[in-house]
Structure formats: structure tokens, C-alpha cells
Amino acid sequence: MKMIQAIIRPSKVEDVKNALDEAGYASLTLLDVKGRGRQKGIKQIWRGEEYTVDMLPKVKLEVVVQDEKENDVVEIIRKAAYTGNIGDGKIFVMPVEKTIRIRTGEMDGKAL
């Protein structure tokens, strides 16, 4: 199994969620996070003073899938989160050793 984590723009959450849902991947976790990358924040002006906001709001999306579905899910997320601008985000893929459904005790693939 693989855990796919994606850091995306908040404005793209609904697009990504809908694309995953349409492809049959309904289970996911969303977390509001702040971060920065090459973008290094944005400059804003408030009451005539310029300041930099260097930790931008992002959303961290997590999905666990069977190994053979990894590439499909990564591509769905990449396409749905894409704007072509700096700050679109990143996707990380990590192995998952074990999954257990709390309610039934089902394990691994059956627990997804």
C-alpha cells in the first residue's frame, strides 16, 4: 500500500476532491497547513506599509491506496491541482506497512 500526500492550494481542494471521487477514490483526509517553498511568500501592502507573508495557507491531502493504484491517484491529483503557477504544490508517495479498520478489525487492503 502507498500513502499519497499532496500539498495543494486551498482554491484547488474541491477540484481535487471531485476528481478523486469521480475516479472512485472517496476516502481521503484533508488538513489545513501553512508552508512555503520556492515561492517564499508574497508581498502585501497594508495601510501603506509593505510586508511579506512567508508562510502561505495550503491544504495537505492524504490518500492511502493499493500499490497498483498509486500512479493513477498521483496523476488525478496532479492534473486537478495544476494551475501552471509557482506554488501549485508537491506530491509525496510513501509506503504503508499496515492498515487496520478500527470498527471491524479488517486489515490492509480490506481495510481501505
N, C-alpha and C. Protein backbone atom coordinates (compact mmCIF):
# COMPACT_ATOMS: atom_id res chain seq x y z
N MET A 1 0.84 -1.18 0.00
CA MET A 1 0.00 0.00 0.00
C MET A 1 0.88 1.24 0.00
N LYS A 2 0.32 2.33 -0.47
CA LYS A 2 1.04 3.61 -0.53
C LYS A 2 0.19 4.71 0.09
N MET A 3 0.86 5.62 0.79
CA MET A 3 0.21 6.85 1.23
C MET A 3 0.66 7.95 0.29
N ILE A 4 -0.29 8.62 -0.28
CA ILE A 4 -0.01 9.74 -1.16
C ILE A 4 -0.39 11.00 -0.40
N GLN A 5 0.59 11.87 -0.21
CA GLN A 5 0.35 13.15 0.44
C GLN A 5 0.57 14.24 -0.60
N ALA A 6 -0.36 15.16 -0.66
CA ALA A 6 -0.24 16.27 -1.60
C ALA A 6 -0.45 17.57 -0.84
N ILE A 7 0.44 18.52 -1.07
CA ILE A 7 0.30 19.86 -0.53
C ILE A 7 -0.20 20.72 -1.70
N ILE A 8 -1.42 21.25 -1.57
CA ILE A 8 -2.03 21.95 -2.70
C ILE A 8 -2.60 23.30 -2.25
N ARG A 9 -2.97 24.09 -3.24
CA ARG A 9 -3.62 25.38 -2.97
C ARG A 9 -5.02 25.15 -2.39
N PRO A 10 -5.43 25.94 -1.42
CA PRO A 10 -6.80 25.80 -0.90
C PRO A 10 -7.87 25.95 -1.98
N SER A 11 -7.59 26.77 -2.97
CA SER A 11 -8.57 27.00 -4.03
C SER A 11 -8.77 25.78 -4.94
N LYS A 12 -7.87 24.80 -4.86
CA LYS A 12 -7.97 23.62 -5.71
C LYS A 12 -8.51 22.39 -4.99
N VAL A 13 -8.86 22.54 -3.71
CA VAL A 13 -9.32 21.39 -2.92
C VAL A 13 -10.56 20.74 -3.54
N GLU A 14 -11.56 21.53 -3.87
CA GLU A 14 -12.79 20.97 -4.42
C GLU A 14 -12.54 20.27 -5.76
N ASP A 15 -11.67 20.85 -6.60
CA ASP A 15 -11.34 20.23 -7.88
C ASP A 15 -10.69 18.86 -7.67
N VAL A 16 -9.73 18.80 -6.75
CA VAL A 16 -9.02 17.54 -6.48
C VAL A 16 -9.98 16.53 -5.86
N LYS A 17 -10.74 16.96 -4.88
CA LYS A 17 -11.69 16.07 -4.20
C LYS A 17 -12.70 15.49 -5.19
N ASN A 18 -13.25 16.34 -6.06
CA ASN A 18 -14.22 15.88 -7.06
C ASN A 18 -13.60 14.92 -8.06
N ALA A 19 -12.37 15.21 -8.50
CA ALA A 19 -11.69 14.34 -9.46
C ALA A 19 -11.42 12.96 -8.85
N LEU A 20 -10.99 12.95 -7.60
CA LEU A 20 -10.75 11.66 -6.93
C LEU A 20 -12.06 10.90 -6.75
N ASP A 21 -13.09 11.60 -6.36
CA ASP A 21 -14.39 10.97 -6.14
C ASP A 21 -14.93 10.37 -7.43
N GLU A 22 -14.83 11.11 -8.53
CA GLU A 22 -15.31 10.62 -9.83
C GLU A 22 -14.55 9.39 -10.28
N ALA A 23 -13.28 9.26 -9.88
CA ALA A 23 -12.47 8.11 -10.25
C ALA A 23 -12.63 6.94 -9.27
N GLY A 24 -13.47 7.14 -8.24
CA GLY A 24 -13.73 6.05 -7.31
C GLY A 24 -12.88 6.05 -6.06
N TYR A 25 -12.17 7.14 -5.80
CA TYR A 25 -11.34 7.26 -4.60
C TYR A 25 -12.01 8.26 -3.65
N ALA A 26 -12.94 7.76 -2.85
CA ALA A 26 -13.72 8.65 -1.98
C ALA A 26 -13.03 8.93 -0.65
N SER A 27 -12.20 8.00 -0.18
CA SER A 27 -11.58 8.15 1.15
C SER A 27 -10.35 9.04 1.08
N LEU A 28 -10.35 10.08 1.89
CA LEU A 28 -9.19 10.96 1.96
C LEU A 28 -9.23 11.75 3.26
N THR A 29 -8.11 12.34 3.59
CA THR A 29 -8.00 13.20 4.76
C THR A 29 -7.48 14.55 4.31
N LEU A 30 -8.05 15.63 4.82
CA LEU A 30 -7.61 16.99 4.50
C LEU A 30 -7.19 17.69 5.78
N LEU A 31 -6.06 18.40 5.71
CA LEU A 31 -5.57 19.18 6.84
C LEU A 31 -5.22 20.57 6.34
N ASP A 32 -5.62 21.60 7.09
CA ASP A 32 -5.18 22.96 6.77
C ASP A 32 -3.79 23.14 7.35
N VAL A 33 -2.85 23.55 6.49
CA VAL A 33 -1.47 23.73 6.91
C VAL A 33 -0.95 25.06 6.37
N LYS A 34 0.21 25.47 6.83
CA LYS A 34 0.90 26.64 6.28
C LYS A 34 2.30 26.19 5.89
N GLY A 35 2.82 26.81 4.85
CA GLY A 35 4.15 26.44 4.42
C GLY A 35 4.66 27.38 3.36
N ARG A 36 5.88 27.07 2.93
CA ARG A 36 6.47 27.84 1.84
C ARG A 36 7.48 26.97 1.12
N GLY A 37 7.72 27.33 -0.10
CA GLY A 37 8.69 26.63 -0.92
C GLY A 37 9.49 27.69 -1.67
N ARG A 38 9.71 27.45 -2.94
CA ARG A 38 10.44 28.42 -3.75
C ARG A 38 9.74 29.76 -3.81
N GLN A 39 8.45 29.73 -3.65
CA GLN A 39 7.64 30.95 -3.71
C GLN A 39 8.07 31.94 -2.63
N LYS A 40 8.45 31.43 -1.48
CA LYS A 40 8.93 32.22 -0.34
C LYS A 40 7.99 33.33 0.07
N GLY A 41 6.72 33.09 -0.06
CA GLY A 41 5.74 34.05 0.42
C GLY A 41 5.33 35.08 -0.62
N ILE A 42 4.50 35.99 -0.16
CA ILE A 42 4.02 37.06 -1.04
C ILE A 42 4.14 38.39 -0.32
N LYS A 43 4.34 39.44 -1.09
CA LYS A 43 4.41 40.79 -0.52
C LYS A 43 3.03 41.42 -0.60
N GLN A 44 2.64 42.07 0.48
CA GLN A 44 1.35 42.76 0.52
C GLN A 44 1.56 44.14 1.11
N ILE A 45 0.59 45.00 0.86
CA ILE A 45 0.65 46.35 1.42
C ILE A 45 -0.58 46.55 2.29
N TRP A 46 -0.36 47.01 3.50
CA TRP A 46 -1.44 47.29 4.44
C TRP A 46 -1.18 48.65 5.07
N ARG A 47 -2.12 49.54 4.93
CA ARG A 47 -2.01 50.91 5.44
C ARG A 47 -0.71 51.58 4.97
N GLY A 48 -0.40 51.35 3.72
CA GLY A 48 0.76 51.99 3.11
C GLY A 48 2.09 51.32 3.41
N GLU A 49 2.11 50.32 4.24
CA GLU A 49 3.35 49.61 4.59
C GLU A 49 3.41 48.27 3.86
N GLU A 50 4.56 47.97 3.29
CA GLU A 50 4.75 46.69 2.62
C GLU A 50 5.27 45.67 3.62
N TYR A 51 4.72 44.47 3.57
CA TYR A 51 5.20 43.39 4.42
C TYR A 51 5.11 42.08 3.65
N THR A 52 5.86 41.08 4.12
CA THR A 52 5.89 39.78 3.45
C THR A 52 5.20 38.74 4.31
N VAL A 53 4.30 38.00 3.69
CA VAL A 53 3.68 36.85 4.33
C VAL A 53 4.44 35.65 3.78
N ASP A 54 5.30 35.05 4.63
CA ASP A 54 6.15 33.99 4.09
C ASP A 54 5.65 32.58 4.38
N MET A 55 4.62 32.43 5.19
CA MET A 55 4.01 31.13 5.43
C MET A 55 2.59 31.19 4.87
N LEU A 56 2.42 30.58 3.72
CA LEU A 56 1.14 30.67 3.00
C LEU A 56 0.21 29.52 3.36
N PRO A 57 -1.10 29.78 3.38
CA PRO A 57 -2.04 28.70 3.67
C PRO A 57 -2.06 27.69 2.53
N LYS A 58 -2.00 26.43 2.88
CA LYS A 58 -2.07 25.32 1.93
C LYS A 58 -2.98 24.26 2.53
N VAL A 59 -3.28 23.24 1.76
CA VAL A 59 -4.04 22.10 2.26
C VAL A 59 -3.21 20.85 2.00
N LYS A 60 -3.13 20.01 3.02
CA LYS A 60 -2.44 18.72 2.89
C LYS A 60 -3.51 17.65 2.74
N LEU A 61 -3.43 16.93 1.65
CA LEU A 61 -4.38 15.88 1.34
C LEU A 61 -3.66 14.54 1.48
N GLU A 62 -4.28 13.57 2.13
CA GLU A 62 -3.68 12.24 2.29
C GLU A 62 -4.65 11.19 1.78
N VAL A 63 -4.12 10.25 0.99
CA VAL A 63 -4.91 9.15 0.45
C VAL A 63 -4.04 7.89 0.55
N VAL A 64 -4.62 6.79 1.03
CA VAL A 64 -3.91 5.51 1.05
C VAL A 64 -4.57 4.61 0.03
N VAL A 65 -3.74 4.01 -0.85
CA VAL A 65 -4.26 3.16 -1.92
C VAL A 65 -3.39 1.91 -2.07
N GLN A 66 -3.94 0.94 -2.79
CA GLN A 66 -3.16 -0.25 -3.15
C GLN A 66 -2.02 0.18 -4.07
N ASP A 67 -0.92 -0.54 -4.03
CA ASP A 67 0.28 -0.19 -4.81
C ASP A 67 -0.03 0.06 -6.28
N GLU A 68 -0.88 -0.77 -6.88
CA GLU A 68 -1.14 -0.66 -8.31
C GLU A 68 -1.97 0.58 -8.68
N LYS A 69 -2.55 1.24 -7.70
CA LYS A 69 -3.36 2.44 -7.97
C LYS A 69 -2.59 3.73 -7.74
N GLU A 70 -1.36 3.62 -7.29
CA GLU A 70 -0.54 4.79 -6.95
C GLU A 70 -0.44 5.78 -8.12
N ASN A 71 -0.01 5.32 -9.27
CA ASN A 71 0.20 6.22 -10.40
C ASN A 71 -1.09 6.89 -10.85
N ASP A 72 -2.19 6.16 -10.81
CA ASP A 72 -3.49 6.71 -11.20
C ASP A 72 -3.87 7.87 -10.27
N VAL A 73 -3.75 7.66 -8.97
CA VAL A 73 -4.13 8.68 -8.00
C VAL A 73 -3.21 9.89 -8.08
N VAL A 74 -1.91 9.64 -8.23
CA VAL A 74 -0.95 10.75 -8.34
C VAL A 74 -1.30 11.62 -9.55
N GLU A 75 -1.62 11.00 -10.66
CA GLU A 75 -1.92 11.76 -11.87
C GLU A 75 -3.24 12.52 -11.74
N ILE A 76 -4.23 11.93 -11.10
CA ILE A 76 -5.50 12.62 -10.87
C ILE A 76 -5.27 13.88 -10.04
N ILE A 77 -4.50 13.74 -8.95
CA ILE A 77 -4.21 14.89 -8.08
C ILE A 77 -3.42 15.94 -8.84
N ARG A 78 -2.39 15.51 -9.57
CA ARG A 78 -1.53 16.46 -10.29
C ARG A 78 -2.34 17.28 -11.29
N LYS A 79 -3.18 16.62 -12.06
CA LYS A 79 -3.98 17.33 -13.07
C LYS A 79 -5.00 18.26 -12.43
N ALA A 80 -5.66 17.81 -11.37
CA ALA A 80 -6.72 18.62 -10.76
C ALA A 80 -6.16 19.80 -9.97
N ALA A 81 -4.93 19.68 -9.45
CA ALA A 81 -4.34 20.75 -8.64
C ALA A 81 -3.53 21.75 -9.48
N TYR A 82 -3.33 21.45 -10.74
CA TYR A 82 -2.47 22.25 -11.61
C TYR A 82 -3.07 23.61 -11.96
N THR A 83 -2.26 24.68 -11.80
CA THR A 83 -2.63 25.99 -12.33
C THR A 83 -1.56 26.50 -13.29
N GLY A 84 -0.36 25.93 -13.19
CA GLY A 84 0.75 26.38 -14.01
C GLY A 84 1.56 27.49 -13.37
N ASN A 85 1.17 27.89 -12.18
CA ASN A 85 1.87 28.97 -11.48
C ASN A 85 2.71 28.42 -10.34
N ILE A 86 3.73 29.19 -9.96
CA ILE A 86 4.54 28.81 -8.82
C ILE A 86 3.63 28.70 -7.59
N GLY A 87 3.87 27.69 -6.76
CA GLY A 87 3.05 27.49 -5.58
C GLY A 87 1.94 26.46 -5.76
N ASP A 88 1.95 25.73 -6.88
CA ASP A 88 0.94 24.69 -7.11
C ASP A 88 1.04 23.56 -6.09
N GLY A 89 2.22 23.30 -5.56
CA GLY A 89 2.36 22.30 -4.50
C GLY A 89 3.26 21.15 -4.86
N LYS A 90 3.20 20.12 -4.03
CA LYS A 90 4.03 18.93 -4.18
C LYS A 90 3.21 17.69 -3.86
N ILE A 91 3.63 16.55 -4.40
CA ILE A 91 3.03 15.26 -4.10
C ILE A 91 4.15 14.34 -3.59
N PHE A 92 3.87 13.66 -2.48
CA PHE A 92 4.82 12.72 -1.90
C PHE A 92 4.16 11.35 -1.83
N VAL A 93 4.95 10.29 -2.09
CA VAL A 93 4.44 8.93 -2.02
C VAL A 93 5.31 8.13 -1.06
N MET A 94 4.65 7.47 -0.08
CA MET A 94 5.37 6.71 0.94
C MET A 94 4.74 5.33 1.11
N PRO A 95 5.54 4.35 1.47
CA PRO A 95 4.97 3.03 1.74
C PRO A 95 4.18 3.02 3.05
N VAL A 96 3.14 2.19 3.07
CA VAL A 96 2.33 1.97 4.27
C VAL A 96 2.48 0.49 4.62
N GLU A 97 2.94 0.21 5.82
CA GLU A 97 3.18 -1.17 6.22
C GLU A 97 1.91 -1.91 6.61
N LYS A 98 0.99 -1.23 7.26
CA LYS A 98 -0.20 -1.92 7.75
C LYS A 98 -1.34 -0.93 7.90
N THR A 99 -2.55 -1.41 7.60
CA THR A 99 -3.76 -0.63 7.80
C THR A 99 -4.77 -1.49 8.54
N ILE A 100 -5.43 -0.92 9.53
CA ILE A 100 -6.43 -1.65 10.31
C ILE A 100 -7.68 -0.79 10.43
N ARG A 101 -8.82 -1.34 10.04
CA ARG A 101 -10.10 -0.64 10.21
C ARG A 101 -10.53 -0.85 11.66
N ILE A 102 -10.68 0.21 12.40
CA ILE A 102 -10.98 0.13 13.84
C ILE A 102 -12.30 -0.60 14.09
N ARG A 103 -13.33 -0.26 13.33
CA ARG A 103 -14.67 -0.81 13.58
C ARG A 103 -14.72 -2.32 13.43
N THR A 104 -14.06 -2.88 12.37
CA THR A 104 -14.20 -4.31 12.07
C THR A 104 -12.95 -5.13 12.34
N GLY A 105 -11.81 -4.48 12.46
CA GLY A 105 -10.56 -5.21 12.62
C GLY A 105 -9.98 -5.68 11.30
N GLU A 106 -10.64 -5.36 10.18
CA GLU A 106 -10.10 -5.74 8.87
C GLU A 106 -8.72 -5.13 8.70
N MET A 107 -7.87 -5.83 7.94
CA MET A 107 -6.50 -5.36 7.80
C MET A 107 -6.12 -5.16 6.34
N ASP A 108 -5.15 -4.27 6.16
CA ASP A 108 -4.51 -3.98 4.88
C ASP A 108 -5.51 -3.65 3.78
N GLY A 109 -5.48 -4.33 2.64
CA GLY A 109 -6.33 -3.99 1.51
C GLY A 109 -7.80 -4.01 1.82
N LYS A 110 -8.24 -4.92 2.70
CA LYS A 110 -9.65 -4.98 3.08
C LYS A 110 -10.06 -3.78 3.92
N ALA A 111 -9.11 -3.16 4.57
CA ALA A 111 -9.40 -2.01 5.43
C ALA A 111 -9.51 -0.71 4.66
N LEU A 112 -9.08 -0.71 3.40
CA LEU A 112 -9.18 0.51 2.60
C LEU A 112 -10.59 0.67 2.10
